[in-house]
Amino acid sequence: MTPAASLREEARLVVLALQFVTRLPLPADAGYTPDRMRRATRYFPLCGALIGALLGLVFAAAAAVFPPAVAAVLTLAVGVRLTGALHEDGLADMADGLGGGLTRERALEIMRD
């Protein structure tokens, strides 16, 4: 594989990772396969940094206009819209498991579900 082709493939893996962790309208030709998705996971930290930076900018802009509590709620709303509530759903699943499971096995079963 040439360096240019390799770079294009890595860029497509970044797009695939972003498609997985966001609801951004990205090109549909990222070429999902289980193997490519496995390789795209190496870019999840980059995706998280991009999302975090964007939300930081949203908060900074909102805090310049609104009180901090309102800015925080707006930022949370943008984050939910941007990610499809991926992190909030994970947090809720964890709370369900820890709050609803009387035994370790039951808590893990709830979180897996």
PDB file of N, CA and C in Angstrom:
ATOM      1  N   MET A   1       0.853  -1.175   0.000  1.00  0.00           N
ATOM      2  CA  MET A   1       0.000   0.000   0.000  1.00  0.00           C
ATOM      3  C   MET A   1       0.896   1.236   0.000  1.00  0.00           C
ATOM      4  N   THR A   2       0.587   2.171  -0.865  1.00  0.00           N
ATOM      5  CA  THR A   2       1.380   3.397  -0.946  1.00  0.00           C
ATOM      6  C   THR A   2       1.090   4.277   0.272  1.00  0.00           C
ATOM      7  N   PRO A   3       1.999   5.192   0.585  1.00  0.00           N
ATOM      8  CA  PRO A   3       1.739   6.087   1.721  1.00  0.00           C
ATOM      9  C   PRO A   3       0.450   6.897   1.554  1.00  0.00           C
ATOM     10  N   ALA A   4       0.161   7.339   0.339  1.00  0.00           N
ATOM     11  CA  ALA A   4      -1.066   8.110   0.113  1.00  0.00           C
ATOM     12  C   ALA A   4      -2.304   7.235   0.341  1.00  0.00           C
ATOM     13  N   ALA A   5      -2.271   5.995  -0.136  1.00  0.00           N
ATOM     14  CA  ALA A   5      -3.400   5.082   0.059  1.00  0.00           C
ATOM     15  C   ALA A   5      -3.556   4.743   1.539  1.00  0.00           C
ATOM     16  N   SER A   6      -2.441   4.584   2.222  1.00  0.00           N
ATOM     17  CA  SER A   6      -2.477   4.293   3.651  1.00  0.00           C
ATOM     18  C   SER A   6      -3.089   5.474   4.420  1.00  0.00           C
ATOM     19  N   LEU A   7      -2.705   6.691   4.040  1.00  0.00           N
ATOM     20  CA  LEU A   7      -3.245   7.886   4.686  1.00  0.00           C
ATOM     21  C   LEU A   7      -4.754   8.018   4.426  1.00  0.00           C
ATOM     22  N   ARG A   8      -5.179   7.720   3.193  1.00  0.00           N
ATOM     23  CA  ARG A   8      -6.605   7.745   2.870  1.00  0.00           C
ATOM     24  C   ARG A   8      -7.367   6.717   3.704  1.00  0.00           C
ATOM     25  N   GLU A   9      -6.800   5.531   3.874  1.00  0.00           N
ATOM     26  CA  GLU A   9      -7.445   4.489   4.671  1.00  0.00           C
ATOM     27  C   GLU A   9      -7.576   4.932   6.131  1.00  0.00           C
ATOM     28  N   GLU A  10      -6.533   5.547   6.681  1.00  0.00           N
ATOM     29  CA  GLU A  10      -6.594   6.022   8.066  1.00  0.00           C
ATOM     30  C   GLU A  10      -7.657   7.110   8.197  1.00  0.00           C
ATOM     31  N   ALA A  11      -7.759   7.995   7.206  1.00  0.00           N
ATOM     32  CA  ALA A  11      -8.781   9.044   7.233  1.00  0.00           C
ATOM     33  C   ALA A  11     -10.179   8.415   7.198  1.00  0.00           C
ATOM     34  N   ARG A  12     -10.360   7.374   6.409  1.00  0.00           N
ATOM     35  CA  ARG A  12     -11.649   6.682   6.359  1.00  0.00           C
ATOM     36  C   ARG A  12     -11.955   6.001   7.691  1.00  0.00           C
ATOM     37  N   LEU A  13     -10.918   5.526   8.390  1.00  0.00           N
ATOM     38  CA  LEU A  13     -11.130   4.930   9.711  1.00  0.00           C
ATOM     39  C   LEU A  13     -11.549   5.997  10.724  1.00  0.00           C
ATOM     40  N   VAL A  14     -10.982   7.203  10.599  1.00  0.00           N
ATOM     41  CA  VAL A  14     -11.395   8.306  11.475  1.00  0.00           C
ATOM     42  C   VAL A  14     -12.869   8.624  11.234  1.00  0.00           C
ATOM     43  N   VAL A  15     -13.271   8.694   9.970  1.00  0.00           N
ATOM     44  CA  VAL A  15     -14.676   8.954   9.637  1.00  0.00           C
ATOM     45  C   VAL A  15     -15.567   7.846  10.203  1.00  0.00           C
ATOM     46  N   LEU A  16     -15.140   6.605  10.077  1.00  0.00           N
ATOM     47  CA  LEU A  16     -15.909   5.483  10.613  1.00  0.00           C
ATOM     48  C   LEU A  16     -16.060   5.602  12.131  1.00  0.00           C
ATOM     49  N   ALA A  17     -14.986   5.962  12.819  1.00  0.00           N
ATOM     50  CA  ALA A  17     -15.043   6.146  14.273  1.00  0.00           C
ATOM     51  C   ALA A  17     -15.995   7.285  14.633  1.00  0.00           C
ATOM     52  N   LEU A  18     -15.921   8.395  13.899  1.00  0.00           N
ATOM     53  CA  LEU A  18     -16.823   9.516  14.155  1.00  0.00           C
ATOM     54  C   LEU A  18     -18.272   9.140  13.879  1.00  0.00           C
ATOM     55  N   GLN A  19     -18.502   8.321  12.863  1.00  0.00           N
ATOM     56  CA  GLN A  19     -19.862   7.869  12.584  1.00  0.00           C
ATOM     57  C   GLN A  19     -20.408   7.044  13.746  1.00  0.00           C
ATOM     58  N   PHE A  20     -19.538   6.294  14.391  1.00  0.00           N
ATOM     59  CA  PHE A  20     -19.975   5.437  15.488  1.00  0.00           C
ATOM     60  C   PHE A  20     -20.302   6.239  16.744  1.00  0.00           C
ATOM     61  N   VAL A  21     -19.490   7.241  17.073  1.00  0.00           N
ATOM     62  CA  VAL A  21     -19.648   7.941  18.354  1.00  0.00           C
ATOM     63  C   VAL A  21     -20.424   9.248  18.253  1.00  0.00           C
ATOM     64  N   THR A  22     -20.810   9.662  17.044  1.00  0.00           N
ATOM     65  CA  THR A  22     -21.582  10.893  16.891  1.00  0.00           C
ATOM     66  C   THR A  22     -22.762  10.658  15.963  1.00  0.00           C
ATOM     67  N   ARG A  23     -23.551  11.693  15.832  1.00  0.00           N
ATOM     68  CA  ARG A  23     -24.670  11.695  14.885  1.00  0.00           C
ATOM     69  C   ARG A  23     -24.398  12.714  13.778  1.00  0.00           C
ATOM     70  N   LEU A  24     -23.129  13.032  13.560  1.00  0.00           N
ATOM     71  CA  LEU A  24     -22.763  13.987  12.513  1.00  0.00           C
ATOM     72  C   LEU A  24     -23.105  13.423  11.141  1.00  0.00           C
ATOM     73  N   PRO A  25     -23.586  14.263  10.242  1.00  0.00           N
ATOM     74  CA  PRO A  25     -23.899  13.795   8.884  1.00  0.00           C
ATOM     75  C   PRO A  25     -22.615  13.661   8.058  1.00  0.00           C
ATOM     76  N   LEU A  26     -21.956  12.540   8.210  1.00  0.00           N
ATOM     77  CA  LEU A  26     -20.682  12.286   7.526  1.00  0.00           C
ATOM     78  C   LEU A  26     -20.918  11.432   6.290  1.00  0.00           C
ATOM     79  N   PRO A  27     -19.959  11.416   5.365  1.00  0.00           N
ATOM     80  CA  PRO A  27     -20.120  10.578   4.166  1.00  0.00           C
ATOM     81  C   PRO A  27     -20.378   9.122   4.540  1.00  0.00           C
ATOM     82  N   ALA A  28     -21.278   8.500   3.815  1.00  0.00           N
ATOM     83  CA  ALA A  28     -21.672   7.125   4.130  1.00  0.00           C
ATOM     84  C   ALA A  28     -20.697   6.099   3.582  1.00  0.00           C
ATOM     85  N   ASP A  29     -19.676   6.514   2.862  1.00  0.00           N
ATOM     86  CA  ASP A  29     -18.782   5.553   2.212  1.00  0.00           C
ATOM     87  C   ASP A  29     -17.568   5.184   3.060  1.00  0.00           C
ATOM     88  N   ALA A  30     -17.707   5.229   4.376  1.00  0.00           N
ATOM     89  CA  ALA A  30     -16.584   4.873   5.239  1.00  0.00           C
ATOM     90  C   ALA A  30     -16.278   3.384   5.158  1.00  0.00           C
ATOM     91  N   GLY A  31     -17.199   2.588   4.653  1.00  0.00           N
ATOM     92  CA  GLY A  31     -16.938   1.172   4.402  1.00  0.00           C
ATOM     93  C   GLY A  31     -16.895   0.310   5.646  1.00  0.00           C
ATOM     94  N   TYR A  32     -18.019   0.212   6.353  1.00  0.00           N
ATOM     95  CA  TYR A  32     -18.060  -0.600   7.564  1.00  0.00           C
ATOM     96  C   TYR A  32     -17.840  -2.074   7.252  1.00  0.00           C
ATOM     97  N   THR A  33     -16.934  -2.667   7.985  1.00  0.00           N
ATOM     98  CA  THR A  33     -16.804  -4.108   8.141  1.00  0.00           C
ATOM     99  C   THR A  33     -16.393  -4.308   9.595  1.00  0.00           C
ATOM    100  N   PRO A  34     -16.644  -5.463  10.179  1.00  0.00           N
ATOM    101  CA  PRO A  34     -16.222  -5.668  11.566  1.00  0.00           C
ATOM    102  C   PRO A  34     -14.725  -5.433  11.765  1.00  0.00           C
ATOM    103  N   ASP A  35     -13.896  -5.857  10.812  1.00  0.00           N
ATOM    104  CA  ASP A  35     -12.451  -5.658  10.951  1.00  0.00           C
ATOM    105  C   ASP A  35     -12.089  -4.176  10.886  1.00  0.00           C
ATOM    106  N   ARG A  36     -12.690  -3.428   9.972  1.00  0.00           N
ATOM    107  CA  ARG A  36     -12.403  -2.004   9.858  1.00  0.00           C
ATOM    108  C   ARG A  36     -12.880  -1.276  11.112  1.00  0.00           C
ATOM    109  N   MET A  37     -14.024  -1.682  11.664  1.00  0.00           N
ATOM    110  CA  MET A  37     -14.517  -1.056  12.892  1.00  0.00           C
ATOM    111  C   MET A  37     -13.551  -1.326  14.037  1.00  0.00           C
ATOM    112  N   ARG A  38     -13.025  -2.540  14.094  1.00  0.00           N
ATOM    113  CA  ARG A  38     -12.036  -2.862  15.133  1.00  0.00           C
ATOM    114  C   ARG A  38     -10.826  -1.951  15.002  1.00  0.00           C
ATOM    115  N   ARG A  39     -10.369  -1.735  13.779  1.00  0.00           N
ATOM    116  CA  ARG A  39      -9.218  -0.858  13.565  1.00  0.00           C
ATOM    117  C   ARG A  39      -9.554   0.607  13.811  1.00  0.00           C
ATOM    118  N   ALA A  40     -10.807   0.994  13.608  1.00  0.00           N
ATOM    119  CA  ALA A  40     -11.219   2.386  13.818  1.00  0.00           C
ATOM    120  C   ALA A  40     -11.259   2.756  15.298  1.00  0.00           C
ATOM    121  N   THR A  41     -11.364   1.763  16.170  1.00  0.00           N
ATOM    122  CA  THR A  41     -11.452   2.069  17.602  1.00  0.00           C
ATOM    123  C   THR A  41     -10.213   2.796  18.117  1.00  0.00           C
ATOM    124  N   ARG A  42      -9.097   2.674  17.426  1.00  0.00           N
ATOM    125  CA  ARG A  42      -7.895   3.396  17.870  1.00  0.00           C
ATOM    126  C   ARG A  42      -8.086   4.907  17.782  1.00  0.00           C
ATOM    127  N   TYR A  43      -9.092   5.352  17.018  1.00  0.00           N
ATOM    128  CA  TYR A  43      -9.357   6.780  16.865  1.00  0.00           C
ATOM    129  C   TYR A  43     -10.448   7.285  17.807  1.00  0.00           C
ATOM    130  N   PHE A  44     -10.988   6.443  18.669  1.00  0.00           N
ATOM    131  CA  PHE A  44     -11.994   6.895  19.624  1.00  0.00           C
ATOM    132  C   PHE A  44     -11.462   8.001  20.542  1.00  0.00           C
ATOM    133  N   PRO A  45     -10.222   7.916  21.049  1.00  0.00           N
ATOM    134  CA  PRO A  45      -9.724   9.028  21.867  1.00  0.00           C
ATOM    135  C   PRO A  45      -9.672  10.351  21.089  1.00  0.00           C
ATOM    136  N   LEU A  46      -9.300  10.292  19.819  1.00  0.00           N
ATOM    137  CA  LEU A  46      -9.289  11.496  18.993  1.00  0.00           C
ATOM    138  C   LEU A  46     -10.708  12.046  18.851  1.00  0.00           C
ATOM    139  N   CYS A  47     -11.665  11.164  18.613  1.00  0.00           N
ATOM    140  CA  CYS A  47     -13.066  11.581  18.509  1.00  0.00           C
ATOM    141  C   CYS A  47     -13.519  12.235  19.815  1.00  0.00           C
ATOM    142  N   GLY A  48     -13.160  11.632  20.929  1.00  0.00           N
ATOM    143  CA  GLY A  48     -13.516  12.202  22.228  1.00  0.00           C
ATOM    144  C   GLY A  48     -12.899  13.573  22.437  1.00  0.00           C
ATOM    145  N   ALA A  49     -11.657  13.735  22.005  1.00  0.00           N
ATOM    146  CA  ALA A  49     -10.998  15.045  22.125  1.00  0.00           C
ATOM    147  C   ALA A  49     -11.694  16.086  21.252  1.00  0.00           C
ATOM    148  N   LEU A  50     -12.080  15.696  20.048  1.00  0.00           N
ATOM    149  CA  LEU A  50     -12.782  16.629  19.158  1.00  0.00           C
ATOM    150  C   LEU A  50     -14.144  17.020  19.739  1.00  0.00           C
ATOM    151  N   ILE A  51     -14.871  16.037  20.238  1.00  0.00           N
ATOM    152  CA  ILE A  51     -16.175  16.308  20.839  1.00  0.00           C
ATOM    153  C   ILE A  51     -16.003  17.201  22.068  1.00  0.00           C
ATOM    154  N   GLY A  52     -15.040  16.871  22.907  1.00  0.00           N
ATOM    155  CA  GLY A  52     -14.787  17.674  24.102  1.00  0.00           C
ATOM    156  C   GLY A  52     -14.392  19.102  23.772  1.00  0.00           C
ATOM    157  N   ALA A  53     -13.552  19.275  22.747  1.00  0.00           N
ATOM    158  CA  ALA A  53     -13.148  20.622  22.336  1.00  0.00           C
ATOM    159  C   ALA A  53     -14.343  21.409  21.818  1.00  0.00           C
ATOM    160  N   LEU A  54     -15.176  20.762  21.017  1.00  0.00           N
ATOM    161  CA  LEU A  54     -16.363  21.432  20.489  1.00  0.00           C
ATOM    162  C   LEU A  54     -17.303  21.844  21.621  1.00  0.00           C
ATOM    163  N   LEU A  55     -17.516  20.943  22.566  1.00  0.00           N
ATOM    164  CA  LEU A  55     -18.399  21.265  23.688  1.00  0.00           C
ATOM    165  C   LEU A  55     -17.787  22.337  24.590  1.00  0.00           C
ATOM    166  N   GLY A  56     -16.475  22.354  24.691  1.00  0.00           N
ATOM    167  CA  GLY A  56     -15.812  23.426  25.437  1.00  0.00           C
ATOM    168  C   GLY A  56     -16.047  24.780  24.790  1.00  0.00           C
ATOM    169  N   LEU A  57     -15.987  24.807  23.456  1.00  0.00           N
ATOM    170  CA  LEU A  57     -16.275  26.055  22.737  1.00  0.00           C
ATOM    171  C   LEU A  57     -17.732  26.468  22.912  1.00  0.00           C
ATOM    172  N   VAL A  58     -18.639  25.494  22.872  1.00  0.00           N
ATOM    173  CA  VAL A  58     -20.056  25.791  23.085  1.00  0.00           C
ATOM    174  C   VAL A  58     -20.254  26.396  24.473  1.00  0.00           C
ATOM    175  N   PHE A  59     -19.624  25.796  25.477  1.00  0.00           N
ATOM    176  CA  PHE A  59     -19.770  26.322  26.839  1.00  0.00           C
ATOM    177  C   PHE A  59     -19.186  27.718  26.949  1.00  0.00           C
ATOM    178  N   ALA A  60     -18.003  27.931  26.388  1.00  0.00           N
ATOM    179  CA  ALA A  60     -17.378  29.256  26.463  1.00  0.00           C
ATOM    180  C   ALA A  60     -18.255  30.311  25.802  1.00  0.00           C
ATOM    181  N   ALA A  61     -18.800  29.990  24.644  1.00  0.00           N
ATOM    182  CA  ALA A  61     -19.666  30.949  23.948  1.00  0.00           C
ATOM    183  C   ALA A  61     -20.955  31.196  24.724  1.00  0.00           C
ATOM    184  N   ALA A  62     -21.551  30.114  25.246  1.00  0.00           N
ATOM    185  CA  ALA A  62     -22.801  30.254  25.994  1.00  0.00           C
ATOM    186  C   ALA A  62     -22.573  30.991  27.310  1.00  0.00           C
ATOM    187  N   ALA A  63     -21.439  30.749  27.957  1.00  0.00           N
ATOM    188  CA  ALA A  63     -21.151  31.398  29.238  1.00  0.00           C
ATOM    189  C   ALA A  63     -20.889  32.888  29.066  1.00  0.00           C
ATOM    190  N   ALA A  64     -20.515  33.296  27.864  1.00  0.00           N
ATOM    191  CA  ALA A  64     -20.313  34.724  27.603  1.00  0.00           C
ATOM    192  C   ALA A  64     -21.644  35.461  27.515  1.00  0.00           C
ATOM    193  N   VAL A  65     -22.732  34.709  27.292  1.00  0.00           N
ATOM    194  CA  VAL A  65     -24.043  35.323  27.104  1.00  0.00           C
ATOM    195  C   VAL A  65     -24.991  35.009  28.261  1.00  0.00           C
ATOM    196  N   PHE A  66     -24.905  33.788  28.791  1.00  0.00           N
ATOM    197  CA  PHE A  66     -25.846  33.317  29.803  1.00  0.00           C
ATOM    198  C   PHE A  66     -25.134  33.040  31.119  1.00  0.00           C
ATOM    199  N   PRO A  67     -25.900  32.888  32.211  1.00  0.00           N
ATOM    200  CA  PRO A  67     -25.297  32.453  33.478  1.00  0.00           C
ATOM    201  C   PRO A  67     -24.686  31.047  33.311  1.00  0.00           C
ATOM    202  N   PRO A  68     -23.708  30.708  34.144  1.00  0.00           N
ATOM    203  CA  PRO A  68     -23.032  29.411  34.000  1.00  0.00           C
ATOM    204  C   PRO A  68     -23.963  28.195  34.006  1.00  0.00           C
ATOM    205  N   ALA A  69     -25.001  28.200  34.820  1.00  0.00           N
ATOM    206  CA  ALA A  69     -25.913  27.052  34.870  1.00  0.00           C
ATOM    207  C   ALA A  69     -26.647  26.881  33.540  1.00  0.00           C
ATOM    208  N   VAL A  70     -27.062  27.975  32.945  1.00  0.00           N
ATOM    209  CA  VAL A  70     -27.752  27.913  31.653  1.00  0.00           C
ATOM    210  C   VAL A  70     -26.769  27.455  30.575  1.00  0.00           C
ATOM    211  N   ALA A  71     -25.550  27.982  30.631  1.00  0.00           N
ATOM    212  CA  ALA A  71     -24.518  27.574  29.673  1.00  0.00           C
ATOM    213  C   ALA A  71     -24.241  26.078  29.785  1.00  0.00           C
ATOM    214  N   ALA A  72     -24.214  25.554  31.002  1.00  0.00           N
ATOM    215  CA  ALA A  72     -23.966  24.125  31.208  1.00  0.00           C
ATOM    216  C   ALA A  72     -25.102  23.279  30.635  1.00  0.00           C
ATOM    217  N   VAL A  73     -26.338  23.706  30.849  1.00  0.00           N
ATOM    218  CA  VAL A  73     -27.489  22.960  30.318  1.00  0.00           C
ATOM    219  C   VAL A  73     -27.471  22.987  28.791  1.00  0.00           C
ATOM    220  N   LEU A  74     -27.178  24.144  28.202  1.00  0.00           N
ATOM    221  CA  LEU A  74     -27.086  24.231  26.743  1.00  0.00           C
ATOM    222  C   LEU A  74     -25.979  23.340  26.201  1.00  0.00           C
ATOM    223  N   THR A  75     -24.856  23.328  26.885  1.00  0.00           N
ATOM    224  CA  THR A  75     -23.737  22.484  26.456  1.00  0.00           C
ATOM    225  C   THR A  75     -24.108  21.008  26.546  1.00  0.00           C
ATOM    226  N   LEU A  76     -24.768  20.632  27.610  1.00  0.00           N
ATOM    227  CA  LEU A  76     -25.226  19.249  27.757  1.00  0.00           C
ATOM    228  C   LEU A  76     -26.200  18.883  26.640  1.00  0.00           C
ATOM    229  N   ALA A  77     -27.106  19.787  26.312  1.00  0.00           N
ATOM    230  CA  ALA A  77     -28.069  19.532  25.238  1.00  0.00           C
ATOM    231  C   ALA A  77     -27.364  19.348  23.897  1.00  0.00           C
ATOM    232  N   VAL A  78     -26.367  20.165  23.627  1.00  0.00           N
ATOM    233  CA  VAL A  78     -25.605  20.020  22.381  1.00  0.00           C
ATOM    234  C   VAL A  78     -24.867  18.683  22.381  1.00  0.00           C
ATOM    235  N   GLY A  79     -24.294  18.308  23.516  1.00  0.00           N
ATOM    236  CA  GLY A  79     -23.593  17.024  23.617  1.00  0.00           C
ATOM    237  C   GLY A  79     -24.517  15.842  23.385  1.00  0.00           C
ATOM    238  N   VAL A  80     -25.712  15.911  23.947  1.00  0.00           N
ATOM    239  CA  VAL A  80     -26.701  14.834  23.750  1.00  0.00           C
ATOM    240  C   VAL A  80     -27.081  14.745  22.285  1.00  0.00           C
ATOM    241  N   ARG A  81     -27.309  15.892  21.671  1.00  0.00           N
ATOM    242  CA  ARG A  81     -27.677  15.915  20.245  1.00  0.00           C
ATOM    243  C   ARG A  81     -26.528  15.413  19.373  1.00  0.00           C
ATOM    244  N   LEU A  82     -25.313  15.802  19.715  1.00  0.00           N
ATOM    245  CA  LEU A  82     -24.142  15.445  18.926  1.00  0.00           C
ATOM    246  C   LEU A  82     -23.826  13.951  18.991  1.00  0.00           C
ATOM    247  N   THR A  83     -23.986  13.361  20.171  1.00  0.00           N
ATOM    248  CA  THR A  83     -23.598  11.959  20.356  1.00  0.00           C
ATOM    249  C   THR A  83     -24.781  10.995  20.399  1.00  0.00           C
ATOM    250  N   GLY A  84     -25.984  11.503  20.300  1.00  0.00           N
ATOM    251  CA  GLY A  84     -27.143  10.620  20.420  1.00  0.00           C
ATOM    252  C   GLY A  84     -27.296  10.081  21.830  1.00  0.00           C
ATOM    253  N   ALA A  85     -26.836  10.829  22.815  1.00  0.00           N
ATOM    254  CA  ALA A  85     -26.923  10.471  24.236  1.00  0.00           C
ATOM    255  C   ALA A  85     -26.155   9.191  24.570  1.00  0.00           C
ATOM    256  N   LEU A  86     -25.095   8.910  23.813  1.00  0.00           N
ATOM    257  CA  LEU A  86     -24.304   7.695  24.017  1.00  0.00           C
ATOM    258  C   LEU A  86     -23.757   7.610  25.445  1.00  0.00           C
ATOM    259  N   HIS A  87     -23.158   8.694  25.942  1.00  0.00           N
ATOM    260  CA  HIS A  87     -22.565   8.656  27.276  1.00  0.00           C
ATOM    261  C   HIS A  87     -23.628   8.679  28.369  1.00  0.00           C
ATOM    262  N   GLU A  88     -24.687   9.419  28.152  1.00  0.00           N
ATOM    263  CA  GLU A  88     -25.757   9.474  29.141  1.00  0.00           C
ATOM    264  C   GLU A  88     -26.428   8.112  29.286  1.00  0.00           C
ATOM    265  N   ASP A  89     -26.575   7.404  28.180  1.00  0.00           N
ATOM    266  CA  ASP A  89     -27.151   6.066  28.226  1.00  0.00           C
ATOM    267  C   ASP A  89     -26.246   5.110  29.003  1.00  0.00           C
ATOM    268  N   GLY A  90     -24.943   5.209  28.774  1.00  0.00           N
ATOM    269  CA  GLY A  90     -24.001   4.374  29.516  1.00  0.00           C
ATOM    270  C   GLY A  90     -24.030   4.672  31.006  1.00  0.00           C
ATOM    271  N   LEU A  91     -24.123   5.947  31.351  1.00  0.00           N
ATOM    272  CA  LEU A  91     -24.205   6.342  32.759  1.00  0.00           C
ATOM    273  C   LEU A  91     -25.494   5.805  33.389  1.00  0.00           C
ATOM    274  N   ALA A  92     -26.595   5.899  32.660  1.00  0.00           N
ATOM    275  CA  ALA A  92     -27.873   5.384  33.177  1.00  0.00           C
ATOM    276  C   ALA A  92     -27.813   3.871  33.361  1.00  0.00           C
ATOM    277  N   ASP A  93     -27.199   3.157  32.419  1.00  0.00           N
ATOM    278  CA  ASP A  93     -27.058   1.701  32.547  1.00  0.00           C
ATOM    279  C   ASP A  93     -26.244   1.339  33.779  1.00  0.00           C
ATOM    280  N   MET A  94     -25.162   2.084  34.008  1.00  0.00           N
ATOM    281  CA  MET A  94     -24.334   1.813  35.184  1.00  0.00           C
ATOM    282  C   MET A  94     -25.124   2.071  36.467  1.00  0.00           C
ATOM    283  N   ALA A  95     -25.872   3.178  36.496  1.00  0.00           N
ATOM    284  CA  ALA A  95     -26.676   3.485  37.686  1.00  0.00           C
ATOM    285  C   ALA A  95     -27.745   2.418  37.916  1.00  0.00           C
ATOM    286  N   ASP A  96     -28.360   1.942  36.827  1.00  0.00           N
ATOM    287  CA  ASP A  96     -29.348   0.856  36.959  1.00  0.00           C
ATOM    288  C   ASP A  96     -28.713  -0.380  37.576  1.00  0.00           C
ATOM    289  N   GLY A  97     -27.537  -0.735  37.083  1.00  0.00           N
ATOM    290  CA  GLY A  97     -26.874  -1.936  37.574  1.00  0.00           C
ATOM    291  C   GLY A  97     -26.450  -1.825  39.021  1.00  0.00           C
ATOM    292  N   LEU A  98     -25.871  -0.672  39.365  1.00  0.00           N
ATOM    293  CA  LEU A  98     -25.388  -0.506  40.734  1.00  0.00           C
ATOM    294  C   LEU A  98     -26.526  -0.278  41.716  1.00  0.00           C
ATOM    295  N   GLY A  99     -27.591   0.383  41.258  1.00  0.00           N
ATOM    296  CA  GLY A  99     -28.720   0.653  42.146  1.00  0.00           C
ATOM    297  C   GLY A  99     -29.727  -0.479  42.204  1.00  0.00           C
ATOM    298  N   GLY A 100     -29.819  -1.285  41.149  1.00  0.00           N
ATOM    299  CA  GLY A 100     -30.846  -2.317  41.088  1.00  0.00           C
ATOM    300  C   GLY A 100     -30.352  -3.710  41.371  1.00  0.00           C
ATOM    301  N   GLY A 101     -29.045  -3.887  41.370  1.00  0.00           N
ATOM    302  CA  GLY A 101     -28.512  -5.230  41.594  1.00  0.00           C
ATOM    303  C   GLY A 101     -28.142  -5.452  43.041  1.00  0.00           C
ATOM    304  N   LEU A 102     -28.814  -6.416  43.655  1.00  0.00           N
ATOM    305  CA  LEU A 102     -28.501  -6.703  45.056  1.00  0.00           C
ATOM    306  C   LEU A 102     -27.237  -7.534  45.193  1.00  0.00           C
ATOM    307  N   THR A 103     -26.927  -8.296  44.149  1.00  0.00           N
ATOM    308  CA  THR A 103     -25.692  -9.069  44.151  1.00  0.00           C
ATOM    309  C   THR A 103     -24.820  -8.585  42.998  1.00  0.00           C
ATOM    310  N   ARG A 104     -23.552  -8.926  43.065  1.00  0.00           N
ATOM    311  CA  ARG A 104     -22.614  -8.529  42.008  1.00  0.00           C
ATOM    312  C   ARG A 104     -23.053  -9.105  40.665  1.00  0.00           C
ATOM    313  N   GLU A 105     -23.463 -10.347  40.654  1.00  0.00           N
ATOM    314  CA  GLU A 105     -23.878 -11.006  39.420  1.00  0.00           C
ATOM    315  C   GLU A 105     -25.097 -10.320  38.818  1.00  0.00           C
ATOM    316  N   ARG A 106     -26.061  -9.949  39.665  1.00  0.00           N
ATOM    317  CA  ARG A 106     -27.274  -9.278  39.168  1.00  0.00           C
ATOM    318  C   ARG A 106     -26.937  -7.887  38.623  1.00  0.00           C
ATOM    319  N   ALA A 107     -26.058  -7.163  39.296  1.00  0.00           N
ATOM    320  CA  ALA A 107     -25.645  -5.841  38.812  1.00  0.00           C
ATOM    321  C   ALA A 107     -24.984  -5.943  37.453  1.00  0.00           C
ATOM    322  N   LEU A 108     -24.094  -6.914  37.274  1.00  0.00           N
ATOM    323  CA  LEU A 108     -23.438  -7.090  35.982  1.00  0.00           C
ATOM    324  C   LEU A 108     -24.430  -7.522  34.900  1.00  0.00           C
ATOM    325  N   GLU A 109     -25.403  -8.355  35.283  1.00  0.00           N
ATOM    326  CA  GLU A 109     -26.428  -8.773  34.335  1.00  0.00           C
ATOM    327  C   GLU A 109     -27.255  -7.575  33.848  1.00  0.00           C
ATOM    328  N   ILE A 110     -27.623  -6.698  34.782  1.00  0.00           N
ATOM    329  CA  ILE A 110     -28.399  -5.503  34.428  1.00  0.00           C
ATOM    330  C   ILE A 110     -27.581  -4.601  33.516  1.00  0.00           C
ATOM    331  N   MET A 111     -26.310  -4.394  33.823  1.00  0.00           N
ATOM    332  CA  MET A 111     -25.462  -3.527  33.007  1.00  0.00           C
ATOM    333  C   MET A 111     -25.231  -4.112  31.621  1.00  0.00           C
ATOM    334  N   ARG A 112     -25.108  -5.426  31.517  1.00  0.00           N
ATOM    335  CA  ARG A 112     -24.942  -6.064  30.209  1.00  0.00           C
ATOM    336  C   ARG A 112     -26.184  -5.893  29.349  1.00  0.00           C
ATOM    337  N   ASP A 113     -27.340  -5.971  30.001  1.00  0.00           N
ATOM    338  CA  ASP A 113     -28.604  -5.849  29.268  1.00  0.00           C
ATOM    339  C   ASP A 113     -28.756  -4.439  28.746  1.00  0.00           C
TER     340      ASP A 113
END
